[in-house]
Amino acid sequence: NGGPGSPAFLYVAERHLGTLTQPIQGWMGAEDPFLMGPSYVPAAGIRRFLSGTPAIVGMLALADMVELVAEAGIDAIRDKSVGLTDHVLEIADELLVPVGVEVASPRVAELRGGHVTLNHPLMREATAALWERDVIPDYRDPYGLRIGLSPLSTSYAEVRSGLESVRDVLAGLTG
């Protein structure tokens, strides 16, 4: 959940390293990054997927996050993620399904990641209104509201409050 300048990560299976190319070529991914020649020759191996200058500010913040993840532990983070997404499903069934919202994500925790998608024909309009209320979901065509949950910083109370806002906004849109 970053944006421009945020760290990003990529995994490429070794068998694909020689055939895949980076669509955003930059000097750090070049065979000779300091040549700055008239043509681009990608580096061998995974380094070919680097683009430009590393985002130093983002990398500094990343160091603290890596420590936090290590302290919390992956299993505890996944447990909280499952708890949060289960909570979304429970509240969606309680508050949103009665107003025409369909849960699009798998209900089985092992089949879903750390987000839940809720569908309703007015979700595009609802998303704009939710942003005005400082509820920040993602919209997915054709009519999905993607609720992304960060286990290290999202509380169960915030989930309920956000979904109550979804209900209220949809009620206002449907009159």
N, C-alpha and C. Protein backbone atom coordinates (compact mmCIF):
# COMPACT_ATOMS: atom_id res chain seq x y z
N ASN A 1 0.84 -1.18 0.00
CA ASN A 1 0.00 0.00 0.00
C ASN A 1 0.88 1.24 0.00
N GLY A 2 1.64 1.39 -1.03
CA GLY A 2 2.57 2.51 -1.08
C GLY A 2 2.19 3.54 -2.11
N GLY A 3 2.90 3.58 -3.16
CA GLY A 3 2.73 4.58 -4.20
C GLY A 3 4.08 4.90 -4.79
N PRO A 4 4.17 5.96 -5.54
CA PRO A 4 5.46 6.31 -6.15
C PRO A 4 6.55 6.45 -5.09
N GLY A 5 7.67 5.81 -5.35
CA GLY A 5 8.79 5.86 -4.42
C GLY A 5 8.79 4.76 -3.38
N SER A 6 7.71 3.97 -3.31
CA SER A 6 7.66 2.89 -2.34
C SER A 6 8.48 1.70 -2.83
N PRO A 7 9.03 0.93 -1.91
CA PRO A 7 9.75 -0.28 -2.32
C PRO A 7 8.78 -1.27 -2.97
N ALA A 8 9.29 -2.01 -3.92
CA ALA A 8 8.50 -3.05 -4.57
C ALA A 8 9.37 -4.29 -4.68
N PHE A 9 8.73 -5.43 -4.78
CA PHE A 9 9.47 -6.68 -4.81
C PHE A 9 8.97 -7.52 -5.97
N LEU A 10 9.85 -8.33 -6.51
CA LEU A 10 9.53 -9.15 -7.66
C LEU A 10 10.19 -10.50 -7.50
N TYR A 11 9.47 -11.55 -7.84
CA TYR A 11 10.04 -12.88 -7.91
C TYR A 11 9.90 -13.35 -9.34
N VAL A 12 10.99 -13.86 -9.90
CA VAL A 12 10.96 -14.45 -11.23
C VAL A 12 11.63 -15.81 -11.12
N ALA A 13 10.94 -16.86 -11.54
CA ALA A 13 11.54 -18.19 -11.53
C ALA A 13 12.79 -18.19 -12.39
N GLU A 14 13.81 -18.87 -11.93
CA GLU A 14 15.11 -18.85 -12.62
C GLU A 14 14.98 -19.25 -14.08
N ARG A 15 14.08 -20.18 -14.39
CA ARG A 15 13.94 -20.65 -15.77
C ARG A 15 13.45 -19.54 -16.71
N HIS A 16 12.88 -18.46 -16.16
CA HIS A 16 12.37 -17.37 -17.00
C HIS A 16 13.31 -16.16 -17.07
N LEU A 17 14.38 -16.18 -16.31
CA LEU A 17 15.24 -15.00 -16.23
C LEU A 17 15.83 -14.58 -17.57
N GLY A 18 16.10 -15.52 -18.44
CA GLY A 18 16.71 -15.17 -19.72
C GLY A 18 15.73 -14.68 -20.77
N THR A 19 14.44 -14.89 -20.55
CA THR A 19 13.46 -14.54 -21.59
C THR A 19 12.57 -13.36 -21.23
N LEU A 20 12.33 -13.14 -19.96
CA LEU A 20 11.47 -12.02 -19.57
C LEU A 20 12.26 -10.72 -19.56
N THR A 21 11.56 -9.63 -19.86
CA THR A 21 12.23 -8.33 -19.86
C THR A 21 11.46 -7.36 -18.97
N GLN A 22 12.16 -6.37 -18.51
CA GLN A 22 11.58 -5.31 -17.68
C GLN A 22 10.93 -4.28 -18.61
N PRO A 23 9.64 -4.01 -18.46
CA PRO A 23 9.00 -3.03 -19.35
C PRO A 23 9.43 -1.59 -19.07
N ILE A 24 9.93 -1.32 -17.87
CA ILE A 24 10.40 0.03 -17.52
C ILE A 24 11.91 -0.07 -17.32
N GLN A 25 12.64 0.05 -18.41
CA GLN A 25 14.08 -0.12 -18.35
C GLN A 25 14.74 1.10 -17.72
N GLY A 26 15.77 0.84 -16.93
CA GLY A 26 16.50 1.93 -16.29
C GLY A 26 17.95 1.55 -16.11
N TRP A 27 18.74 2.53 -15.78
CA TRP A 27 20.19 2.33 -15.73
C TRP A 27 20.63 1.29 -14.72
N MET A 28 19.90 1.10 -13.62
CA MET A 28 20.30 0.11 -12.61
C MET A 28 20.13 -1.32 -13.11
N GLY A 29 19.29 -1.53 -14.12
CA GLY A 29 19.07 -2.87 -14.66
C GLY A 29 19.90 -3.17 -15.90
N ALA A 30 20.76 -2.25 -16.28
CA ALA A 30 21.59 -2.42 -17.47
C ALA A 30 22.80 -3.30 -17.18
N GLU A 31 23.30 -3.94 -18.21
CA GLU A 31 24.49 -4.78 -18.08
C GLU A 31 25.66 -3.97 -17.48
N ASP A 32 25.85 -2.76 -17.99
CA ASP A 32 26.86 -1.85 -17.44
C ASP A 32 26.13 -0.56 -17.04
N PRO A 33 25.71 -0.45 -15.77
CA PRO A 33 24.87 0.69 -15.38
C PRO A 33 25.52 2.05 -15.56
N PHE A 34 26.83 2.10 -15.64
CA PHE A 34 27.49 3.40 -15.74
C PHE A 34 27.93 3.75 -17.16
N LEU A 35 27.66 2.87 -18.12
CA LEU A 35 28.02 3.13 -19.51
C LEU A 35 27.17 4.26 -20.10
N MET A 36 25.89 4.26 -19.80
CA MET A 36 24.96 5.28 -20.31
C MET A 36 25.07 5.40 -21.83
N GLY A 37 25.17 4.27 -22.50
CA GLY A 37 25.33 4.25 -23.96
C GLY A 37 24.04 4.51 -24.70
N PRO A 38 24.11 4.51 -26.03
CA PRO A 38 22.95 4.83 -26.85
C PRO A 38 21.91 3.70 -26.90
N SER A 39 22.28 2.48 -26.48
CA SER A 39 21.31 1.39 -26.49
C SER A 39 21.31 0.71 -25.12
N TYR A 40 20.24 0.04 -24.86
CA TYR A 40 20.06 -0.61 -23.56
C TYR A 40 20.34 -2.10 -23.70
N VAL A 41 21.23 -2.61 -22.87
CA VAL A 41 21.51 -4.05 -22.81
C VAL A 41 21.21 -4.48 -21.38
N PRO A 42 20.20 -5.35 -21.20
CA PRO A 42 19.84 -5.73 -19.83
C PRO A 42 20.93 -6.56 -19.16
N ALA A 43 21.00 -6.45 -17.84
CA ALA A 43 21.93 -7.25 -17.04
C ALA A 43 21.48 -8.71 -17.08
N ALA A 44 22.40 -9.59 -16.76
CA ALA A 44 22.05 -10.99 -16.63
C ALA A 44 21.36 -11.19 -15.27
N GLY A 45 20.50 -12.19 -15.20
CA GLY A 45 19.89 -12.54 -13.93
C GLY A 45 18.81 -11.57 -13.48
N ILE A 46 18.50 -11.63 -12.21
CA ILE A 46 17.39 -10.85 -11.66
C ILE A 46 17.66 -9.35 -11.69
N ARG A 47 18.93 -8.96 -11.72
CA ARG A 47 19.24 -7.52 -11.73
C ARG A 47 18.64 -6.81 -12.94
N ARG A 48 18.35 -7.52 -14.02
CA ARG A 48 17.76 -6.90 -15.22
C ARG A 48 16.40 -6.27 -14.93
N PHE A 49 15.77 -6.64 -13.82
CA PHE A 49 14.44 -6.11 -13.50
C PHE A 49 14.48 -4.83 -12.66
N LEU A 50 15.67 -4.40 -12.29
CA LEU A 50 15.78 -3.09 -11.63
C LEU A 50 15.52 -2.01 -12.67
N SER A 51 15.08 -0.86 -12.22
CA SER A 51 14.87 0.23 -13.17
C SER A 51 15.82 1.37 -12.83
N GLY A 52 15.32 2.41 -12.20
CA GLY A 52 16.15 3.59 -11.95
C GLY A 52 16.74 3.61 -10.56
N THR A 53 17.02 4.78 -10.09
CA THR A 53 17.64 4.98 -8.79
C THR A 53 16.76 4.39 -7.68
N PRO A 54 17.35 3.63 -6.77
CA PRO A 54 16.55 3.10 -5.66
C PRO A 54 15.91 4.23 -4.86
N ALA A 55 14.72 3.99 -4.36
CA ALA A 55 13.98 4.97 -3.56
C ALA A 55 14.50 4.92 -2.13
N ILE A 56 15.48 5.74 -1.83
CA ILE A 56 16.17 5.68 -0.55
C ILE A 56 15.23 5.95 0.62
N VAL A 57 14.37 6.95 0.52
CA VAL A 57 13.45 7.26 1.61
C VAL A 57 12.53 6.07 1.87
N GLY A 58 12.01 5.48 0.80
CA GLY A 58 11.17 4.30 0.96
C GLY A 58 11.92 3.13 1.56
N MET A 59 13.18 2.98 1.20
CA MET A 59 13.99 1.90 1.74
C MET A 59 14.25 2.10 3.24
N LEU A 60 14.39 3.33 3.68
CA LEU A 60 14.58 3.60 5.11
C LEU A 60 13.34 3.18 5.90
N ALA A 61 12.18 3.53 5.37
CA ALA A 61 10.93 3.12 6.04
C ALA A 61 10.79 1.61 6.01
N LEU A 62 11.23 1.00 4.93
CA LEU A 62 11.15 -0.45 4.81
C LEU A 62 11.95 -1.15 5.91
N ALA A 63 13.09 -0.61 6.27
CA ALA A 63 13.92 -1.23 7.31
C ALA A 63 13.13 -1.37 8.61
N ASP A 64 12.39 -0.34 8.99
CA ASP A 64 11.58 -0.41 10.21
C ASP A 64 10.46 -1.43 10.06
N MET A 65 9.86 -1.51 8.87
CA MET A 65 8.78 -2.47 8.65
C MET A 65 9.30 -3.90 8.72
N VAL A 66 10.48 -4.14 8.16
CA VAL A 66 11.07 -5.48 8.22
C VAL A 66 11.27 -5.90 9.67
N GLU A 67 11.74 -4.97 10.50
CA GLU A 67 11.91 -5.26 11.93
C GLU A 67 10.56 -5.57 12.58
N LEU A 68 9.54 -4.79 12.23
CA LEU A 68 8.21 -5.01 12.80
C LEU A 68 7.65 -6.37 12.39
N VAL A 69 7.82 -6.73 11.13
CA VAL A 69 7.35 -8.03 10.65
C VAL A 69 8.10 -9.15 11.37
N ALA A 70 9.40 -9.00 11.52
CA ALA A 70 10.19 -10.02 12.22
C ALA A 70 9.74 -10.15 13.67
N GLU A 71 9.45 -9.04 14.31
CA GLU A 71 9.01 -9.06 15.71
C GLU A 71 7.64 -9.73 15.84
N ALA A 72 6.72 -9.39 14.96
CA ALA A 72 5.37 -9.95 15.03
C ALA A 72 5.35 -11.42 14.62
N GLY A 73 6.09 -11.75 13.56
CA GLY A 73 6.11 -13.12 13.05
C GLY A 73 5.07 -13.33 11.96
N ILE A 74 5.46 -14.04 10.93
CA ILE A 74 4.59 -14.26 9.77
C ILE A 74 3.31 -14.98 10.17
N ASP A 75 3.41 -15.99 11.03
CA ASP A 75 2.21 -16.74 11.43
C ASP A 75 1.20 -15.85 12.14
N ALA A 76 1.68 -14.99 13.03
CA ALA A 76 0.77 -14.08 13.74
C ALA A 76 0.16 -13.07 12.78
N ILE A 77 0.94 -12.61 11.82
CA ILE A 77 0.42 -11.66 10.83
C ILE A 77 -0.67 -12.32 9.99
N ARG A 78 -0.43 -13.55 9.55
CA ARG A 78 -1.45 -14.26 8.76
C ARG A 78 -2.69 -14.52 9.60
N ASP A 79 -2.50 -14.90 10.86
CA ASP A 79 -3.66 -15.12 11.74
C ASP A 79 -4.50 -13.86 11.86
N LYS A 80 -3.86 -12.72 12.04
CA LYS A 80 -4.60 -11.45 12.13
C LYS A 80 -5.27 -11.13 10.80
N SER A 81 -4.59 -11.41 9.69
CA SER A 81 -5.17 -11.18 8.37
C SER A 81 -6.45 -12.00 8.19
N VAL A 82 -6.39 -13.26 8.56
CA VAL A 82 -7.57 -14.13 8.47
C VAL A 82 -8.67 -13.60 9.39
N GLY A 83 -8.30 -13.20 10.60
CA GLY A 83 -9.29 -12.64 11.52
C GLY A 83 -9.96 -11.40 10.97
N LEU A 84 -9.17 -10.51 10.37
CA LEU A 84 -9.74 -9.29 9.79
C LEU A 84 -10.65 -9.59 8.61
N THR A 85 -10.22 -10.48 7.73
CA THR A 85 -11.07 -10.78 6.57
C THR A 85 -12.32 -11.55 6.99
N ASP A 86 -12.19 -12.44 7.97
CA ASP A 86 -13.39 -13.10 8.51
C ASP A 86 -14.35 -12.06 9.09
N HIS A 87 -13.80 -11.08 9.78
CA HIS A 87 -14.61 -10.00 10.38
C HIS A 87 -15.34 -9.22 9.28
N VAL A 88 -14.64 -8.92 8.19
CA VAL A 88 -15.30 -8.24 7.06
C VAL A 88 -16.47 -9.07 6.56
N LEU A 89 -16.27 -10.38 6.40
CA LEU A 89 -17.35 -11.24 5.90
C LEU A 89 -18.54 -11.25 6.86
N GLU A 90 -18.27 -11.33 8.16
CA GLU A 90 -19.36 -11.33 9.15
C GLU A 90 -20.15 -10.02 9.08
N ILE A 91 -19.45 -8.91 9.03
CA ILE A 91 -20.12 -7.61 9.01
C ILE A 91 -20.82 -7.40 7.67
N ALA A 92 -20.20 -7.85 6.59
CA ALA A 92 -20.85 -7.73 5.28
C ALA A 92 -22.16 -8.50 5.28
N ASP A 93 -22.16 -9.71 5.83
CA ASP A 93 -23.39 -10.50 5.90
C ASP A 93 -24.45 -9.79 6.74
N GLU A 94 -24.01 -9.16 7.82
CA GLU A 94 -24.92 -8.48 8.74
C GLU A 94 -25.47 -7.18 8.14
N LEU A 95 -24.59 -6.34 7.59
CA LEU A 95 -24.97 -4.98 7.21
C LEU A 95 -25.14 -4.75 5.71
N LEU A 96 -24.39 -5.47 4.89
CA LEU A 96 -24.32 -5.12 3.48
C LEU A 96 -25.09 -6.05 2.55
N VAL A 97 -25.09 -7.34 2.83
CA VAL A 97 -25.86 -8.27 2.00
C VAL A 97 -27.34 -7.86 1.98
N PRO A 98 -27.92 -7.44 3.11
CA PRO A 98 -29.32 -7.01 3.08
C PRO A 98 -29.61 -5.81 2.17
N VAL A 99 -28.57 -5.02 1.82
CA VAL A 99 -28.79 -3.88 0.92
C VAL A 99 -28.27 -4.17 -0.49
N GLY A 100 -28.12 -5.47 -0.81
CA GLY A 100 -27.80 -5.85 -2.18
C GLY A 100 -26.33 -6.05 -2.49
N VAL A 101 -25.47 -6.03 -1.49
CA VAL A 101 -24.04 -6.26 -1.72
C VAL A 101 -23.78 -7.76 -1.81
N GLU A 102 -22.93 -8.12 -2.77
CA GLU A 102 -22.52 -9.51 -2.94
C GLU A 102 -21.05 -9.64 -2.54
N VAL A 103 -20.73 -10.63 -1.72
CA VAL A 103 -19.34 -10.91 -1.37
C VAL A 103 -18.73 -11.69 -2.52
N ALA A 104 -17.71 -11.12 -3.17
CA ALA A 104 -17.09 -11.76 -4.33
C ALA A 104 -15.88 -12.61 -3.96
N SER A 105 -15.30 -12.38 -2.81
CA SER A 105 -14.10 -13.11 -2.40
C SER A 105 -14.47 -14.48 -1.83
N PRO A 106 -13.52 -15.41 -1.87
CA PRO A 106 -13.79 -16.72 -1.27
C PRO A 106 -14.07 -16.59 0.23
N ARG A 107 -14.99 -17.38 0.70
CA ARG A 107 -15.31 -17.37 2.12
C ARG A 107 -14.37 -18.28 2.92
N VAL A 108 -13.69 -19.16 2.26
CA VAL A 108 -12.73 -20.05 2.91
C VAL A 108 -11.40 -19.31 3.01
N ALA A 109 -10.90 -19.15 4.23
CA ALA A 109 -9.70 -18.33 4.47
C ALA A 109 -8.50 -18.80 3.66
N GLU A 110 -8.34 -20.10 3.50
CA GLU A 110 -7.18 -20.62 2.77
C GLU A 110 -7.21 -20.27 1.29
N LEU A 111 -8.35 -19.81 0.81
CA LEU A 111 -8.50 -19.47 -0.62
C LEU A 111 -8.45 -17.97 -0.88
N ARG A 112 -8.25 -17.17 0.16
CA ARG A 112 -8.21 -15.72 -0.05
C ARG A 112 -6.97 -15.13 0.61
N GLY A 113 -6.60 -13.96 0.13
CA GLY A 113 -5.47 -13.24 0.71
C GLY A 113 -5.95 -12.26 1.75
N GLY A 114 -5.30 -11.11 1.83
CA GLY A 114 -5.59 -10.13 2.86
C GLY A 114 -6.56 -9.06 2.44
N HIS A 115 -7.45 -9.38 1.52
CA HIS A 115 -8.47 -8.41 1.11
C HIS A 115 -9.77 -9.13 0.82
N VAL A 116 -10.85 -8.36 0.80
CA VAL A 116 -12.18 -8.88 0.46
C VAL A 116 -12.78 -7.93 -0.56
N THR A 117 -13.38 -8.49 -1.60
CA THR A 117 -14.05 -7.67 -2.61
C THR A 117 -15.55 -7.81 -2.44
N LEU A 118 -16.21 -6.65 -2.40
CA LEU A 118 -17.66 -6.57 -2.26
C LEU A 118 -18.23 -5.94 -3.53
N ASN A 119 -19.23 -6.58 -4.12
CA ASN A 119 -19.82 -6.08 -5.36
C ASN A 119 -21.20 -5.46 -5.12
N HIS A 120 -21.45 -4.38 -5.83
CA HIS A 120 -22.76 -3.73 -5.86
C HIS A 120 -22.75 -2.81 -7.08
N PRO A 121 -23.88 -2.70 -7.79
CA PRO A 121 -23.90 -1.86 -9.00
C PRO A 121 -23.49 -0.40 -8.77
N LEU A 122 -23.59 0.11 -7.55
CA LEU A 122 -23.26 1.51 -7.29
C LEU A 122 -21.91 1.69 -6.59
N MET A 123 -21.05 0.68 -6.64
CA MET A 123 -19.78 0.79 -5.92
C MET A 123 -18.86 1.87 -6.47
N ARG A 124 -18.90 2.14 -7.76
CA ARG A 124 -18.05 3.22 -8.30
C ARG A 124 -18.42 4.54 -7.62
N GLU A 125 -19.71 4.84 -7.58
CA GLU A 125 -20.17 6.07 -6.94
C GLU A 125 -19.90 6.03 -5.43
N ALA A 126 -20.09 4.87 -4.84
CA ALA A 126 -19.86 4.73 -3.40
C ALA A 126 -18.40 4.97 -3.04
N THR A 127 -17.49 4.53 -3.89
CA THR A 127 -16.07 4.69 -3.60
C THR A 127 -15.70 6.16 -3.47
N ALA A 128 -16.18 6.98 -4.38
CA ALA A 128 -15.89 8.43 -4.31
C ALA A 128 -16.42 9.02 -3.01
N ALA A 129 -17.63 8.64 -2.63
CA ALA A 129 -18.23 9.16 -1.39
C ALA A 129 -17.47 8.64 -0.16
N LEU A 130 -16.99 7.42 -0.22
CA LEU A 130 -16.23 6.88 0.90
C LEU A 130 -14.91 7.62 1.09
N TRP A 131 -14.24 7.96 0.00
CA TRP A 131 -13.00 8.73 0.11
C TRP A 131 -13.26 10.06 0.81
N GLU A 132 -14.40 10.67 0.53
CA GLU A 132 -14.74 11.94 1.19
C GLU A 132 -14.92 11.75 2.70
N ARG A 133 -15.23 10.53 3.12
CA ARG A 133 -15.40 10.21 4.54
C ARG A 133 -14.11 9.65 5.16
N ASP A 134 -13.02 9.73 4.42
CA ASP A 134 -11.72 9.18 4.87
C ASP A 134 -11.73 7.67 5.02
N VAL A 135 -12.59 7.00 4.28
CA VAL A 135 -12.57 5.54 4.16
C VAL A 135 -11.96 5.29 2.78
N ILE A 136 -10.83 4.61 2.73
CA ILE A 136 -10.04 4.54 1.50
C ILE A 136 -9.99 3.10 0.96
N PRO A 137 -11.02 2.68 0.24
CA PRO A 137 -10.98 1.37 -0.42
C PRO A 137 -10.45 1.53 -1.85
N ASP A 138 -10.31 0.42 -2.53
CA ASP A 138 -9.98 0.42 -3.96
C ASP A 138 -11.22 0.02 -4.73
N TYR A 139 -11.40 0.60 -5.89
CA TYR A 139 -12.51 0.23 -6.76
C TYR A 139 -11.98 -0.69 -7.85
N ARG A 140 -12.74 -1.73 -8.18
CA ARG A 140 -12.39 -2.65 -9.26
C ARG A 140 -13.59 -2.81 -10.19
N ASP A 141 -13.37 -2.51 -11.47
CA ASP A 141 -14.45 -2.70 -12.45
C ASP A 141 -14.90 -4.16 -12.46
N PRO A 142 -16.17 -4.43 -12.72
CA PRO A 142 -17.17 -3.45 -13.09
C PRO A 142 -17.87 -2.79 -11.90
N TYR A 143 -17.89 -3.43 -10.73
CA TYR A 143 -18.58 -2.80 -9.60
C TYR A 143 -18.10 -3.36 -8.26
N GLY A 144 -16.80 -3.56 -8.14
CA GLY A 144 -16.24 -4.15 -6.93
C GLY A 144 -15.56 -3.13 -6.04
N LEU A 145 -15.78 -3.26 -4.76
CA LEU A 145 -15.09 -2.46 -3.75
C LEU A 145 -14.10 -3.40 -3.07
N ARG A 146 -12.81 -3.12 -3.20
CA ARG A 146 -11.78 -3.98 -2.63
C ARG A 146 -11.37 -3.41 -1.28
N ILE A 147 -11.59 -4.19 -0.25
CA ILE A 147 -11.24 -3.81 1.11
C ILE A 147 -9.89 -4.45 1.42
N GLY A 148 -8.82 -3.65 1.40
CA GLY A 148 -7.48 -4.14 1.71
C GLY A 148 -7.20 -3.93 3.19
N LEU A 149 -6.70 -4.96 3.84
CA LEU A 149 -6.51 -4.93 5.28
C LEU A 149 -5.05 -5.18 5.63
N SER A 150 -4.46 -4.27 6.36
CA SER A 150 -3.06 -4.41 6.78
C SER A 150 -3.04 -4.91 8.22
N PRO A 151 -2.68 -6.17 8.43
CA PRO A 151 -2.79 -6.76 9.76
C PRO A 151 -1.99 -6.06 10.85
N LEU A 152 -0.91 -5.39 10.49
CA LEU A 152 -0.09 -4.74 11.50
C LEU A 152 -0.64 -3.39 11.93
N SER A 153 -1.61 -2.86 11.19
CA SER A 153 -2.08 -1.52 11.56
C SER A 153 -3.59 -1.35 11.54
N THR A 154 -4.34 -2.32 11.05
CA THR A 154 -5.80 -2.19 10.97
C THR A 154 -6.45 -2.86 12.18
N SER A 155 -7.36 -2.14 12.83
CA SER A 155 -8.06 -2.71 13.99
C SER A 155 -9.42 -3.25 13.56
N TYR A 156 -9.97 -4.12 14.39
CA TYR A 156 -11.31 -4.66 14.13
C TYR A 156 -12.35 -3.55 14.20
N ALA A 157 -12.15 -2.59 15.09
CA ALA A 157 -13.09 -1.45 15.19
C ALA A 157 -13.07 -0.62 13.91
N GLU A 158 -11.88 -0.44 13.31
CA GLU A 158 -11.80 0.31 12.05
C GLU A 158 -12.54 -0.42 10.93
N VAL A 159 -12.46 -1.75 10.93
CA VAL A 159 -13.17 -2.53 9.92
C VAL A 159 -14.67 -2.29 10.05
N ARG A 160 -15.20 -2.39 11.26
CA ARG A 160 -16.63 -2.17 11.46
C ARG A 160 -17.02 -0.75 11.06
N SER A 161 -16.27 0.22 11.48
CA SER A 161 -16.58 1.61 11.16
C SER A 161 -16.57 1.83 9.64
N GLY A 162 -15.58 1.29 8.96
CA GLY A 162 -15.50 1.44 7.51
C GLY A 162 -16.68 0.79 6.81
N LEU A 163 -17.07 -0.39 7.24
CA LEU A 163 -18.19 -1.08 6.59
C LEU A 163 -19.53 -0.44 6.94
N GLU A 164 -19.63 0.15 8.12
CA GLU A 164 -20.83 0.94 8.42
C GLU A 164 -20.92 2.13 7.48
N SER A 165 -19.79 2.72 7.15
CA SER A 165 -19.77 3.83 6.18
C SER A 165 -20.21 3.35 4.80
N VAL A 166 -19.76 2.16 4.40
CA VAL A 166 -20.20 1.60 3.11
C VAL A 166 -21.72 1.46 3.11
N ARG A 167 -22.26 0.90 4.18
CA ARG A 167 -23.71 0.75 4.29
C ARG A 167 -24.42 2.10 4.19
N ASP A 168 -23.93 3.09 4.94
CA ASP A 168 -24.56 4.40 4.96
C ASP A 168 -24.49 5.08 3.59
N VAL A 169 -23.35 4.97 2.92
CA VAL A 169 -23.20 5.58 1.59
C VAL A 169 -24.14 4.91 0.60
N LEU A 170 -24.19 3.58 0.61
CA LEU A 170 -25.10 2.89 -0.31
C LEU A 170 -26.55 3.24 -0.03
N ALA A 171 -26.90 3.37 1.24
CA ALA A 171 -28.27 3.76 1.60
C ALA A 171 -28.58 5.14 1.04
N GLY A 172 -27.61 6.05 1.12
CA GLY A 172 -27.81 7.40 0.58
C GLY A 172 -27.93 7.40 -0.94
N LEU A 173 -27.23 6.50 -1.60
CA LEU A 173 -27.27 6.45 -3.07
C LEU A 173 -28.53 5.79 -3.59
N THR A 174 -29.08 4.86 -2.82
CA THR A 174 -30.27 4.14 -3.28
C THR A 174 -31.55 4.77 -2.76
N GLY A 175 -31.38 5.76 -1.85
CA GLY A 175 -32.51 6.54 -1.37
C GLY A 175 -33.44 5.78 -0.53
